[in-house]
Amino acid sequence: MSKKIIFMGTPLFAVPILKSLYQNGYPISVVYTQPPQKSQRGQNINKSPVQGIAETLNIDFRTPHYLKDNNEEYNYIKELNADLAIVVAYGKIIPKNFLSLTKKGFINIHGSILPKWRGAAPIQRSIMNLDNETGISIMKIAEDLDSGPVSHVYKIKIDPNHNAQEISEKLSFLAAEKILDNIDEVLEDKAKFTDQDHSKATYAKKIDKKEGQINWNIGALKILGRINGLIPFPGAFFNFNGERYKILKAEIGNGVGKVGEVISDKLEIACGKNQSLKILEIQRQGKKPQKIGEFMLGSQIKKGTIISNV
């Protein structure tokens, strides 16, 4: 196959798509990914998952800190004379002047049912919003964020017991399969792209760590959506006696009580709207994750305790 393809991606979500293209004979001329990041303590340098797989597959990769006004990368891609660029959660805006540097443009695999949830955190926002479904959209990249015409949308149901990490994995493997159904159509100019209805667009802003703080007043369903939507990062949490407790798994209960009150010896907590939440798995600050039965054996959080929103 004589085609030249550029792949741009960074997180684990993008890895199965890159592997699928490579294993099915699509020639990846170069991979673009975000540069390695220092760990929080600055002791380690962490490569992106996509850089890791590019190295394993012996594919050339580039890690520029930015593309805007970057003449070196502009000229590199121009001289490459590639047929197509495929972008999957790259994490950087592709400048307008780059979009004409490949013969068939730039296509993006986006983790939502566009035009809903354009932006940085579509999977998390769909779960936190208690959506019943999500999916992937295969689209052409345009100047404005996630606004380009769409060729195909593939949907999955959101199980209320599944968290963002699990849904992300499902969508990633779905994308790895479906890109193979679409790439030849794009390369052969047979793909049909339809403009989005921009009036229906919603935006999935980047997740802020502060959003993990649980407010027991809002009702158990919304709290559960927050817990599931914020796995693995930053996680939904509450504070008790100066320590942070991250809730890893929960389900809707059937008890009632004062908001924030522990109403059972298995850590069922009363919420707003006369609802309750049963904690199933929890992680105390600095400790390993625990099933709730094990956790409650030595916990200071007992039935009748009031857990505040602060």
C-alpha atoms as a PDB file:
ATOM      1  CA  MET A   1       0.000   0.000   0.000  1.00  0.00           C
ATOM      2  CA  SER A   2       1.616   3.241  -1.157  1.00  0.00           C
ATOM      3  CA  LYS A   3      -0.480   5.693   0.849  1.00  0.00           C
ATOM      4  CA  LYS A   4       1.112   7.884   3.499  1.00  0.00           C
ATOM      5  CA  ILE A   5      -0.797   8.408   6.752  1.00  0.00           C
ATOM      6  CA  ILE A   6      -0.045  10.687   9.693  1.00  0.00           C
ATOM      7  CA  PHE A   7      -1.428   9.634  13.084  1.00  0.00           C
ATOM      8  CA  MET A   8      -1.923  12.157  15.879  1.00  0.00           C
ATOM      9  CA  GLY A   9      -2.918  10.980  19.358  1.00  0.00           C
ATOM     10  CA  THR A  10      -1.783  10.931  22.962  1.00  0.00           C
ATOM     11  CA  PRO A  11      -3.714   8.935  25.602  1.00  0.00           C
ATOM     12  CA  LEU A  12      -4.479   5.241  25.974  1.00  0.00           C
ATOM     13  CA  PHE A  13      -7.784   5.816  24.139  1.00  0.00           C
ATOM     14  CA  ALA A  14      -5.833   6.342  20.896  1.00  0.00           C
ATOM     15  CA  VAL A  15      -3.591   3.272  21.176  1.00  0.00           C
ATOM     16  CA  PRO A  16      -5.984   0.573  19.850  1.00  0.00           C
ATOM     17  CA  ILE A  17      -6.770   2.731  16.796  1.00  0.00           C
ATOM     18  CA  LEU A  18      -3.078   3.160  15.960  1.00  0.00           C
ATOM     19  CA  LYS A  19      -2.443  -0.562  16.464  1.00  0.00           C
ATOM     20  CA  SER A  20      -5.441  -1.471  14.304  1.00  0.00           C
ATOM     21  CA  LEU A  21      -4.218   0.663  11.412  1.00  0.00           C
ATOM     22  CA  TYR A  22      -0.685  -0.696  11.680  1.00  0.00           C
ATOM     23  CA  GLN A  23      -1.740  -4.346  11.987  1.00  0.00           C
ATOM     24  CA  ASN A  24      -4.040  -4.064   8.988  1.00  0.00           C
ATOM     25  CA  GLY A  25      -1.349  -2.781   6.688  1.00  0.00           C
ATOM     26  CA  TYR A  26      -2.007   0.959   6.664  1.00  0.00           C
ATOM     27  CA  PRO A  27       1.387   2.683   6.459  1.00  0.00           C
ATOM     28  CA  ILE A  28       1.867   5.191   9.262  1.00  0.00           C
ATOM     29  CA  SER A  29       4.601   7.546   8.097  1.00  0.00           C
ATOM     30  CA  VAL A  30       4.836   9.415  11.378  1.00  0.00           C
ATOM     31  CA  VAL A  31       3.069   9.684  14.728  1.00  0.00           C
ATOM     32  CA  TYR A  32       2.497  12.996  16.481  1.00  0.00           C
ATOM     33  CA  THR A  33       1.936  12.886  20.231  1.00  0.00           C
ATOM     34  CA  GLN A  34       2.285  15.216  23.185  1.00  0.00           C
ATOM     35  CA  PRO A  35       5.768  15.483  24.689  1.00  0.00           C
ATOM     36  CA  PRO A  36       6.759  13.463  27.768  1.00  0.00           C
ATOM     37  CA  GLN A  37       5.594  14.980  31.036  1.00  0.00           C
ATOM     38  CA  LYS A  38       7.351  15.156  34.382  1.00  0.00           C
ATOM     39  CA  SER A  39       5.664  13.271  37.208  1.00  0.00           C
ATOM     40  CA  GLN A  40       4.094  15.309  40.010  1.00  0.00           C
ATOM     41  CA  ARG A  41       7.251  15.033  42.091  1.00  0.00           C
ATOM     42  CA  GLY A  42       9.423  15.635  39.056  1.00  0.00           C
ATOM     43  CA  GLN A  43      11.403  12.427  39.556  1.00  0.00           C
ATOM     44  CA  ASN A  44      10.194  10.592  36.456  1.00  0.00           C
ATOM     45  CA  ILE A  45       9.529  11.489  32.841  1.00  0.00           C
ATOM     46  CA  ASN A  46       6.333   9.862  31.568  1.00  0.00           C
ATOM     47  CA  LYS A  47       5.918   9.211  27.858  1.00  0.00           C
ATOM     48  CA  SER A  48       2.437   9.252  26.388  1.00  0.00           C
ATOM     49  CA  PRO A  49       0.849   5.834  25.729  1.00  0.00           C
ATOM     50  CA  VAL A  50       0.894   6.612  22.003  1.00  0.00           C
ATOM     51  CA  GLN A  51       4.639   7.358  22.079  1.00  0.00           C
ATOM     52  CA  GLY A  52       5.156   4.057  23.857  1.00  0.00           C
ATOM     53  CA  ILE A  53       3.344   2.039  21.181  1.00  0.00           C
ATOM     54  CA  ALA A  54       5.019   4.004  18.372  1.00  0.00           C
ATOM     55  CA  GLU A  55       8.397   3.028  19.791  1.00  0.00           C
ATOM     56  CA  THR A  56       7.293  -0.605  20.131  1.00  0.00           C
ATOM     57  CA  LEU A  57       6.108  -0.675  16.504  1.00  0.00           C
ATOM     58  CA  ASN A  58       9.217   1.200  15.339  1.00  0.00           C
ATOM     59  CA  ILE A  59       7.201   4.072  13.865  1.00  0.00           C
ATOM     60  CA  ASP A  60       8.792   7.514  13.639  1.00  0.00           C
ATOM     61  CA  PHE A  61       7.249   9.958  16.105  1.00  0.00           C
ATOM     62  CA  ARG A  62       7.409  13.659  16.863  1.00  0.00           C
ATOM     63  CA  THR A  63       6.532  15.440  20.126  1.00  0.00           C
ATOM     64  CA  PRO A  64       6.329  19.202  19.497  1.00  0.00           C
ATOM     65  CA  HIS A  65       5.123  21.367  22.361  1.00  0.00           C
ATOM     66  CA  TYR A  66       2.892  23.318  19.972  1.00  0.00           C
ATOM     67  CA  LEU A  67       1.886  23.463  16.303  1.00  0.00           C
ATOM     68  CA  LYS A  68       0.683  27.040  15.981  1.00  0.00           C
ATOM     69  CA  ASP A  69       3.309  29.187  14.237  1.00  0.00           C
ATOM     70  CA  ASN A  70       5.640  26.173  14.234  1.00  0.00           C
ATOM     71  CA  ASN A  71       7.396  26.448  10.879  1.00  0.00           C
ATOM     72  CA  GLU A  72       9.501  23.357  11.470  1.00  0.00           C
ATOM     73  CA  GLU A  73       6.473  21.077  11.852  1.00  0.00           C
ATOM     74  CA  TYR A  74       4.548  22.851   9.096  1.00  0.00           C
ATOM     75  CA  ASN A  75       7.383  22.283   6.640  1.00  0.00           C
ATOM     76  CA  TYR A  76       7.924  18.711   7.815  1.00  0.00           C
ATOM     77  CA  ILE A  77       4.289  17.756   7.146  1.00  0.00           C
ATOM     78  CA  LYS A  78       4.257  19.683   3.873  1.00  0.00           C
ATOM     79  CA  GLU A  79       7.338  17.864   2.602  1.00  0.00           C
ATOM     80  CA  LEU A  80       5.925  14.530   3.721  1.00  0.00           C
ATOM     81  CA  ASN A  81       3.129  14.983   1.161  1.00  0.00           C
ATOM     82  CA  ALA A  82       0.896  12.594   3.091  1.00  0.00           C
ATOM     83  CA  ASP A  83      -2.481  11.381   1.889  1.00  0.00           C
ATOM     84  CA  LEU A  84      -4.348  11.687   5.191  1.00  0.00           C
ATOM     85  CA  ALA A  85      -3.967  12.626   8.840  1.00  0.00           C
ATOM     86  CA  ILE A  86      -5.977  10.757  11.489  1.00  0.00           C
ATOM     87  CA  VAL A  87      -6.400  12.535  14.818  1.00  0.00           C
ATOM     88  CA  VAL A  88      -7.525  10.752  17.989  1.00  0.00           C
ATOM     89  CA  ALA A  89      -7.423  12.700  21.270  1.00  0.00           C
ATOM     90  CA  TYR A  90      -4.185  14.449  20.327  1.00  0.00           C
ATOM     91  CA  GLY A  91      -4.808  17.195  22.865  1.00  0.00           C
ATOM     92  CA  LYS A  92      -3.648  20.087  20.714  1.00  0.00           C
ATOM     93  CA  ILE A  93      -5.527  22.268  18.251  1.00  0.00           C
ATOM     94  CA  ILE A  94      -4.560  21.673  14.621  1.00  0.00           C
ATOM     95  CA  PRO A  95      -3.924  25.117  13.098  1.00  0.00           C
ATOM     96  CA  LYS A  96      -6.031  26.064  10.088  1.00  0.00           C
ATOM     97  CA  ASN A  97      -3.027  26.345   7.781  1.00  0.00           C
ATOM     98  CA  PHE A  98      -2.061  22.716   8.537  1.00  0.00           C
ATOM     99  CA  LEU A  99      -5.401  21.319   7.360  1.00  0.00           C
ATOM    100  CA  SER A 100      -4.513  21.608   3.668  1.00  0.00           C
ATOM    101  CA  LEU A 101      -1.124  19.889   4.007  1.00  0.00           C
ATOM    102  CA  THR A 102      -2.458  16.384   3.299  1.00  0.00           C
ATOM    103  CA  LYS A 103      -4.265  15.339   0.135  1.00  0.00           C
ATOM    104  CA  LYS A 104      -7.445  14.174   1.896  1.00  0.00           C
ATOM    105  CA  GLY A 105      -7.322  16.510   4.861  1.00  0.00           C
ATOM    106  CA  PHE A 106      -7.447  15.661   8.557  1.00  0.00           C
ATOM    107  CA  ILE A 107     -10.104  13.403  10.047  1.00  0.00           C
ATOM    108  CA  ASN A 108     -10.854  13.084  13.734  1.00  0.00           C
ATOM    109  CA  ILE A 109     -12.337  10.245  15.772  1.00  0.00           C
ATOM    110  CA  HIS A 110     -14.238  12.007  18.535  1.00  0.00           C
ATOM    111  CA  GLY A 111     -15.677  10.259  21.596  1.00  0.00           C
ATOM    112  CA  SER A 112     -19.252  11.545  21.458  1.00  0.00           C
ATOM    113  CA  ILE A 113     -22.358  11.704  19.312  1.00  0.00           C
ATOM    114  CA  LEU A 114     -21.682  15.037  17.645  1.00  0.00           C
ATOM    115  CA  PRO A 115     -22.741  17.814  17.845  1.00  0.00           C
ATOM    116  CA  LYS A 116     -23.251  16.848  21.485  1.00  0.00           C
ATOM    117  CA  TRP A 117     -20.223  17.121  23.746  1.00  0.00           C
ATOM    118  CA  ARG A 118     -17.661  18.817  21.596  1.00  0.00           C
ATOM    119  CA  GLY A 119     -14.432  19.435  23.448  1.00  0.00           C
ATOM    120  CA  ALA A 120     -11.927  17.896  25.829  1.00  0.00           C
ATOM    121  CA  ALA A 121     -13.925  15.534  28.061  1.00  0.00           C
ATOM    122  CA  PRO A 122     -16.892  14.113  26.107  1.00  0.00           C
ATOM    123  CA  ILE A 123     -16.993  10.676  27.756  1.00  0.00           C
ATOM    124  CA  GLN A 124     -16.834  12.038  31.289  1.00  0.00           C
ATOM    125  CA  ARG A 125     -19.445  14.719  30.607  1.00  0.00           C
ATOM    126  CA  SER A 126     -21.902  12.290  29.025  1.00  0.00           C
ATOM    127  CA  ILE A 127     -21.749  10.030  32.085  1.00  0.00           C
ATOM    128  CA  MET A 128     -21.957  12.920  34.530  1.00  0.00           C
ATOM    129  CA  ASN A 129     -24.968  14.217  32.604  1.00  0.00           C
ATOM    130  CA  LEU A 130     -26.688  10.806  33.005  1.00  0.00           C
ATOM    131  CA  ASP A 131     -26.924  10.325  29.235  1.00  0.00           C
ATOM    132  CA  ASN A 132     -28.324   6.975  28.101  1.00  0.00           C
ATOM    133  CA  GLU A 133     -25.928   6.628  25.183  1.00  0.00           C
ATOM    134  CA  THR A 134     -22.664   7.859  23.767  1.00  0.00           C
ATOM    135  CA  GLY A 135     -20.518   6.914  20.795  1.00  0.00           C
ATOM    136  CA  ILE A 136     -17.826   7.912  18.349  1.00  0.00           C
ATOM    137  CA  SER A 137     -18.075  10.350  15.457  1.00  0.00           C
ATOM    138  CA  ILE A 138     -15.775  10.254  12.438  1.00  0.00           C
ATOM    139  CA  MET A 139     -15.450  13.793  11.154  1.00  0.00           C
ATOM    140  CA  LYS A 140     -13.356  16.158   9.093  1.00  0.00           C
ATOM    141  CA  ILE A 141     -11.419  18.650  11.170  1.00  0.00           C
ATOM    142  CA  ALA A 142     -12.487  22.244  10.632  1.00  0.00           C
ATOM    143  CA  GLU A 143     -11.171  25.477  12.090  1.00  0.00           C
ATOM    144  CA  ASP A 144     -13.575  25.549  15.058  1.00  0.00           C
ATOM    145  CA  LEU A 145     -13.402  22.903  17.776  1.00  0.00           C
ATOM    146  CA  ASP A 146     -15.064  19.586  16.774  1.00  0.00           C
ATOM    147  CA  SER A 147     -17.331  21.444  14.352  1.00  0.00           C
ATOM    148  CA  GLY A 148     -16.466  19.730  11.073  1.00  0.00           C
ATOM    149  CA  PRO A 149     -18.788  17.609   8.919  1.00  0.00           C
ATOM    150  CA  VAL A 150     -19.413  14.031  10.077  1.00  0.00           C
ATOM    151  CA  SER A 151     -19.327  10.883   7.956  1.00  0.00           C
ATOM    152  CA  HIS A 152     -20.344   8.218  10.470  1.00  0.00           C
ATOM    153  CA  VAL A 153     -21.610   7.975  14.041  1.00  0.00           C
ATOM    154  CA  TYR A 154     -21.495   4.714  15.998  1.00  0.00           C
ATOM    155  CA  LYS A 155     -23.447   4.526  19.262  1.00  0.00           C
ATOM    156  CA  ILE A 156     -23.314   2.440  22.431  1.00  0.00           C
ATOM    157  CA  LYS A 157     -25.547   2.383  25.506  1.00  0.00           C
ATOM    158  CA  ILE A 158     -24.215   3.742  28.783  1.00  0.00           C
ATOM    159  CA  ASP A 159     -24.755   1.186  31.520  1.00  0.00           C
ATOM    160  CA  PRO A 160     -25.229   3.075  34.824  1.00  0.00           C
ATOM    161  CA  ASN A 161     -22.843   0.582  36.447  1.00  0.00           C
ATOM    162  CA  HIS A 162     -20.001   1.463  34.075  1.00  0.00           C
ATOM    163  CA  ASN A 163     -17.498   4.222  34.704  1.00  0.00           C
ATOM    164  CA  ALA A 164     -15.650   6.538  32.324  1.00  0.00           C
ATOM    165  CA  GLN A 165     -12.614   4.268  32.141  1.00  0.00           C
ATOM    166  CA  GLU A 166     -14.774   1.316  31.060  1.00  0.00           C
ATOM    167  CA  ILE A 167     -16.804   3.345  28.551  1.00  0.00           C
ATOM    168  CA  SER A 168     -13.614   4.867  27.152  1.00  0.00           C
ATOM    169  CA  GLU A 169     -12.193   1.391  26.585  1.00  0.00           C
ATOM    170  CA  LYS A 170     -15.380   0.272  24.818  1.00  0.00           C
ATOM    171  CA  LEU A 171     -15.351   3.307  22.534  1.00  0.00           C
ATOM    172  CA  SER A 172     -11.656   2.926  21.817  1.00  0.00           C
ATOM    173  CA  PHE A 173     -12.052  -0.663  20.620  1.00  0.00           C
ATOM    174  CA  LEU A 174     -15.159   0.317  18.663  1.00  0.00           C
ATOM    175  CA  ALA A 175     -13.149   3.053  16.945  1.00  0.00           C
ATOM    176  CA  ALA A 176     -10.303   0.627  16.214  1.00  0.00           C
ATOM    177  CA  GLU A 177     -12.800  -1.578  14.395  1.00  0.00           C
ATOM    178  CA  LYS A 178     -14.781   1.131  12.601  1.00  0.00           C
ATOM    179  CA  ILE A 179     -11.824   3.122  11.293  1.00  0.00           C
ATOM    180  CA  LEU A 180     -11.093   0.125   9.078  1.00  0.00           C
ATOM    181  CA  ASP A 181     -14.602   0.456   7.578  1.00  0.00           C
ATOM    182  CA  ASN A 182     -14.038   4.130   6.813  1.00  0.00           C
ATOM    183  CA  ILE A 183     -10.449   4.836   5.903  1.00  0.00           C
ATOM    184  CA  ASP A 184     -10.595   3.497   2.338  1.00  0.00           C
ATOM    185  CA  GLU A 185     -13.749   5.516   1.659  1.00  0.00           C
ATOM    186  CA  VAL A 186     -11.915   8.655   2.777  1.00  0.00           C
ATOM    187  CA  LEU A 187      -8.772   7.857   0.784  1.00  0.00           C
ATOM    188  CA  GLU A 188     -10.855   7.125  -2.329  1.00  0.00           C
ATOM    189  CA  ASP A 189     -13.093  10.224  -1.952  1.00  0.00           C
ATOM    190  CA  LYS A 190     -16.161   8.013  -1.445  1.00  0.00           C
ATOM    191  CA  ALA A 191     -16.968   9.115   2.108  1.00  0.00           C
ATOM    192  CA  LYS A 192     -20.051  11.322   2.513  1.00  0.00           C
ATOM    193  CA  PHE A 193     -19.668  14.032   5.122  1.00  0.00           C
ATOM    194  CA  THR A 194     -22.715  15.867   6.485  1.00  0.00           C
ATOM    195  CA  ASP A 195     -22.587  19.235   8.234  1.00  0.00           C
ATOM    196  CA  GLN A 196     -23.427  19.233  11.923  1.00  0.00           C
ATOM    197  CA  ASP A 197     -26.444  21.077  13.292  1.00  0.00           C
ATOM    198  CA  HIS A 198     -24.453  23.703  15.161  1.00  0.00           C
ATOM    199  CA  SER A 199     -27.558  24.925  17.017  1.00  0.00           C
ATOM    200  CA  LYS A 200     -27.568  21.620  18.949  1.00  0.00           C
ATOM    201  CA  ALA A 201     -23.914  21.749  19.958  1.00  0.00           C
ATOM    202  CA  THR A 202     -22.955  21.262  23.602  1.00  0.00           C
ATOM    203  CA  TYR A 203     -19.463  21.493  25.029  1.00  0.00           C
ATOM    204  CA  ALA A 204     -17.504  19.121  27.259  1.00  0.00           C
ATOM    205  CA  LYS A 205     -15.090  21.378  29.073  1.00  0.00           C
ATOM    206  CA  LYS A 206     -11.918  19.984  30.597  1.00  0.00           C
ATOM    207  CA  ILE A 207     -12.410  18.286  33.963  1.00  0.00           C
ATOM    208  CA  ASP A 208     -11.377  20.343  36.986  1.00  0.00           C
ATOM    209  CA  LYS A 209     -10.150  18.486  40.084  1.00  0.00           C
ATOM    210  CA  LYS A 210     -12.553  20.531  42.206  1.00  0.00           C
ATOM    211  CA  GLU A 211     -15.491  18.837  40.461  1.00  0.00           C
ATOM    212  CA  GLY A 212     -14.671  15.669  42.387  1.00  0.00           C
ATOM    213  CA  GLN A 213     -15.964  17.145  45.657  1.00  0.00           C
ATOM    214  CA  ILE A 214     -19.305  15.462  46.419  1.00  0.00           C
ATOM    215  CA  ASN A 215     -22.296  17.606  47.308  1.00  0.00           C
ATOM    216  CA  TRP A 216     -24.760  15.315  49.117  1.00  0.00           C
ATOM    217  CA  ASN A 217     -27.608  17.755  48.447  1.00  0.00           C
ATOM    218  CA  ILE A 218     -27.885  17.076  44.730  1.00  0.00           C
ATOM    219  CA  GLY A 219     -29.388  13.591  44.839  1.00  0.00           C
ATOM    220  CA  ALA A 220     -27.986  10.087  44.530  1.00  0.00           C
ATOM    221  CA  LEU A 221     -28.411   9.730  40.757  1.00  0.00           C
ATOM    222  CA  LYS A 222     -26.319  12.794  39.995  1.00  0.00           C
ATOM    223  CA  ILE A 223     -23.729  11.815  42.595  1.00  0.00           C
ATOM    224  CA  LEU A 224     -23.463   8.363  41.031  1.00  0.00           C
ATOM    225  CA  GLY A 225     -22.994   9.982  37.623  1.00  0.00           C
ATOM    226  CA  ARG A 226     -20.189  12.071  39.070  1.00  0.00           C
ATOM    227  CA  ILE A 227     -18.522   9.050  40.686  1.00  0.00           C
ATOM    228  CA  ASN A 228     -18.644   7.036  37.457  1.00  0.00           C
ATOM    229  CA  GLY A 229     -17.748   9.983  35.241  1.00  0.00           C
ATOM    230  CA  LEU A 230     -14.630  10.905  37.186  1.00  0.00           C
ATOM    231  CA  ILE A 231     -13.000   7.452  37.226  1.00  0.00           C
ATOM    232  CA  PRO A 232     -10.008   7.171  37.066  1.00  0.00           C
ATOM    233  CA  PHE A 233      -9.184  10.874  37.344  1.00  0.00           C
ATOM    234  CA  PRO A 234      -9.662  12.943  39.410  1.00  0.00           C
ATOM    235  CA  GLY A 235     -12.194  10.757  41.231  1.00  0.00           C
ATOM    236  CA  ALA A 236     -15.224  11.759  43.308  1.00  0.00           C
ATOM    237  CA  PHE A 237     -14.498  12.237  46.993  1.00  0.00           C
ATOM    238  CA  PHE A 238     -15.656  13.483  50.375  1.00  0.00           C
ATOM    239  CA  ASN A 239     -13.655  14.726  53.348  1.00  0.00           C
ATOM    240  CA  PHE A 240     -13.972  13.402  56.883  1.00  0.00           C
ATOM    241  CA  ASN A 241     -11.811  14.372  59.868  1.00  0.00           C
ATOM    242  CA  GLY A 242      -9.279  16.047  57.612  1.00  0.00           C
ATOM    243  CA  GLU A 243      -8.824  13.086  55.287  1.00  0.00           C
ATOM    244  CA  ARG A 244     -10.018  12.533  51.736  1.00  0.00           C
ATOM    245  CA  TYR A 245     -12.050   9.458  50.806  1.00  0.00           C
ATOM    246  CA  LYS A 246     -12.391   8.623  47.119  1.00  0.00           C
ATOM    247  CA  ILE A 247     -15.487   6.640  46.138  1.00  0.00           C
ATOM    248  CA  LEU A 248     -14.588   4.077  43.483  1.00  0.00           C
ATOM    249  CA  LYS A 249     -17.884   2.231  43.117  1.00  0.00           C
ATOM    250  CA  ALA A 250     -21.423   2.860  44.359  1.00  0.00           C
ATOM    251  CA  GLU A 251     -25.067   2.143  43.634  1.00  0.00           C
ATOM    252  CA  ILE A 252     -28.427   3.739  44.388  1.00  0.00           C
ATOM    253  CA  GLY A 253     -29.821   2.841  47.792  1.00  0.00           C
ATOM    254  CA  ASN A 254     -33.372   2.955  49.126  1.00  0.00           C
ATOM    255  CA  GLY A 255     -32.943   4.555  52.540  1.00  0.00           C
ATOM    256  CA  VAL A 256     -33.765   8.056  53.753  1.00  0.00           C
ATOM    257  CA  GLY A 257     -32.254  10.343  56.335  1.00  0.00           C
ATOM    258  CA  LYS A 258     -30.722  13.722  56.933  1.00  0.00           C
ATOM    259  CA  VAL A 259     -28.576  14.820  53.976  1.00  0.00           C
ATOM    260  CA  GLY A 260     -25.033  13.489  54.464  1.00  0.00           C
ATOM    261  CA  GLU A 261     -26.049  11.060  57.225  1.00  0.00           C
ATOM    262  CA  VAL A 262     -24.646   7.522  57.255  1.00  0.00           C
ATOM    263  CA  ILE A 263     -27.846   5.481  57.556  1.00  0.00           C
ATOM    264  CA  SER A 264     -26.456   1.949  57.655  1.00  0.00           C
ATOM    265  CA  ASP A 265     -23.415   0.084  58.933  1.00  0.00           C
ATOM    266  CA  LYS A 266     -22.443  -0.585  55.299  1.00  0.00           C
ATOM    267  CA  LEU A 267     -21.885   3.085  54.465  1.00  0.00           C
ATOM    268  CA  GLU A 268     -25.173   3.999  52.849  1.00  0.00           C
ATOM    269  CA  ILE A 269     -25.405   7.792  52.826  1.00  0.00           C
ATOM    270  CA  ALA A 270     -28.581   9.877  52.635  1.00  0.00           C
ATOM    271  CA  CYS A 271     -28.673  12.401  49.800  1.00  0.00           C
ATOM    272  CA  GLY A 272     -30.952  15.157  48.568  1.00  0.00           C
ATOM    273  CA  LYS A 273     -34.330  14.405  46.933  1.00  0.00           C
ATOM    274  CA  ASN A 274     -34.979  11.683  49.553  1.00  0.00           C
ATOM    275  CA  GLN A 275     -32.450   9.390  47.904  1.00  0.00           C
ATOM    276  CA  SER A 276     -29.463   7.461  49.225  1.00  0.00           C
ATOM    277  CA  LEU A 277     -26.203   6.091  47.929  1.00  0.00           C
ATOM    278  CA  LYS A 278     -24.594   2.769  48.857  1.00  0.00           C
ATOM    279  CA  ILE A 279     -20.796   2.908  48.749  1.00  0.00           C
ATOM    280  CA  LEU A 280     -19.368  -0.389  47.438  1.00  0.00           C
ATOM    281  CA  GLU A 281     -15.672   0.398  47.091  1.00  0.00           C
ATOM    282  CA  ILE A 282     -13.669   3.225  48.628  1.00  0.00           C
ATOM    283  CA  GLN A 283     -10.099   4.479  48.985  1.00  0.00           C
ATOM    284  CA  ARG A 284      -8.970   6.357  52.062  1.00  0.00           C
ATOM    285  CA  GLN A 285      -6.280   8.961  51.496  1.00  0.00           C
ATOM    286  CA  GLY A 286      -2.879   7.257  51.288  1.00  0.00           C
ATOM    287  CA  LYS A 287      -4.378   3.762  51.492  1.00  0.00           C
ATOM    288  CA  LYS A 288      -5.241   1.015  49.018  1.00  0.00           C
ATOM    289  CA  PRO A 289      -8.765   0.626  47.594  1.00  0.00           C
ATOM    290  CA  GLN A 290     -11.084  -1.477  49.771  1.00  0.00           C
ATOM    291  CA  LYS A 291     -14.417  -3.215  49.426  1.00  0.00           C
ATOM    292  CA  ILE A 292     -16.872  -1.630  51.814  1.00  0.00           C
ATOM    293  CA  GLY A 293     -17.091  -4.604  54.169  1.00  0.00           C
ATOM    294  CA  GLU A 294     -13.346  -4.563  54.778  1.00  0.00           C
ATOM    295  CA  PHE A 295     -13.275  -0.780  55.041  1.00  0.00           C
ATOM    296  CA  MET A 296     -15.991  -0.553  57.690  1.00  0.00           C
ATOM    297  CA  LEU A 297     -14.218  -2.983  60.060  1.00  0.00           C
ATOM    298  CA  GLY A 298     -11.706  -0.347  61.124  1.00  0.00           C
ATOM    299  CA  SER A 299     -13.396   2.870  60.049  1.00  0.00           C
ATOM    300  CA  GLN A 300     -14.335   5.807  62.248  1.00  0.00           C
ATOM    301  CA  ILE A 301     -17.269   6.476  59.934  1.00  0.00           C
ATOM    302  CA  LYS A 302     -20.172   4.773  61.690  1.00  0.00           C
ATOM    303  CA  LYS A 303     -23.932   4.710  61.328  1.00  0.00           C
ATOM    304  CA  GLY A 304     -25.277   8.098  62.419  1.00  0.00           C
ATOM    305  CA  THR A 305     -22.183  10.028  61.297  1.00  0.00           C
ATOM    306  CA  ILE A 306     -22.890  13.198  59.321  1.00  0.00           C
ATOM    307  CA  ILE A 307     -20.561  13.761  56.368  1.00  0.00           C
ATOM    308  CA  SER A 308     -20.468  17.397  55.321  1.00  0.00           C
ATOM    309  CA  ASN A 309     -20.058  18.856  51.844  1.00  0.00           C
ATOM    310  CA  VAL A 310     -16.804  20.588  52.816  1.00  0.00           C
END
